[in-house]
Amino acid sequence: MRGALGTGLLGLALVLLGVAVDSEPLLVPGVALLALGAVAGGWVAAAARGARIERELSAHRVMEEEPLSVHLTARAGGLPFPGGALEDPLLPEPAALRSGRSVARIRIDVRFGRRGARTLAPPVLALRDPLGVAARRVDAAEAEDAKVLVLPRLHPVTANGEGSPLQSGGRAAPLAGAEVELDGLRPYREGAPASRIHWAALARRAGLLERRLRPEGEGRPLVVLDASGPAATEDLDAAVRAAASLSHALAHAGGCSILLPGDRRATAIEPDGRGWPAVHARLAVVAPGPSGAALGAAAAGARAVYYVAARRGARAPRQLLHGGQQRVVLVVPGRLAGRRAAFAVAGCSGYVLASGARAAVGA
């Protein structure tokens, strides 16, 4: 409001000077400037008093490159808007406010190119009269809906050959009828083979029990994300997108687990989607750093392990490649020289390593 005050003071000075020197030509502009400052300042002050800005988001979670609709509604106070603009960080340029209107509505469609948590700065009403004499800014109070979580984008898993790369680490899954793994005991069922009877339990007078078996390879595939040592932010983002895409595809194919940096236990993702929203949200805020994960315990019993590393030319951990029966797949940003990738996903390449193979795999 300094402009209106300055205009009014200039008009007052001209009026006083005109009275002092008895000059009527000075009185006319002086009175006009006084009136202009009073009217412009009063209009802007009245419109600003009680003015408010409302912001509504179409969603609080959105994937990278997906549109997010933001609706802004500005309401004037005691008088309609004299003019000015509505400013918002999401607008490429301020949106003009039409003079005489009491309500202004604006829709913004915005896309975020990178995952992470975003806090949107509050919008601002920059009110001013048509002549630009008086101006005043009205800040909107920051609300809870100003926070947006940008989730990593999901990409298809593209095989570099025939078959699905998501079956037991790139090879066909074992036949479901091959029952070889012990899965506890249960009461004996009439007609069950005698080879299943647990004779030790019968000798201890625990009753007639049979061994319960499960098909080989029934364990869930495991996705492990290693966020250590990325050469660039883009490499970490690619690894996170690859881990998200793999875990989402594996979950839909029958369920899987994922071990995130810093976790001691893997998180299960069910075929019906249970567990996925929380995992997707955590992947959005993964930062570079050592994994610190209990990899050996989490990988035990997994049918396949997808080790997703953020560092180019990373090596598969030795503990995965010695003594385990599962397949191990190394997924890294870019490609490894001299090796043929089994599949590609989100700018990363997946390489199937035979169980018990040497850990020296990389550049």
Foldseek 3Di string as FASTA:
>chain_A
DVLLVVLLVVLVVLCVVCVVVVPPVSNVSSVVSNVVSVVFAVQQVQFQVVKAKDKDWPDQEEAAFDKIKIKIKIFTGRFAALKFFKDFPQDPDTHIDDGRHGMDMDMGIDGHHAFDKDATAWMKTWGGHPVRRDIDIDTHDRDPSRIHGYFYDAWDKFFPDDDDCLDLRHDHHDDFPAWDAFDAKDADDPPDDPVQWPVVCVVVVVHTIGTDTGGPQPAAEEEEEFQEDAPDPLLSSLLLNQSLNSQLVSQLVAWHWYQFAPDAETFIAHNVGPPNVVVRRVSSHDDYDGRNYPVLVRCPPHQEYEYRYSYAFDWDDVSQQPPDDGKYKYKGAADFPPADFRIDTSRITIDIDHRNDDRNGGD
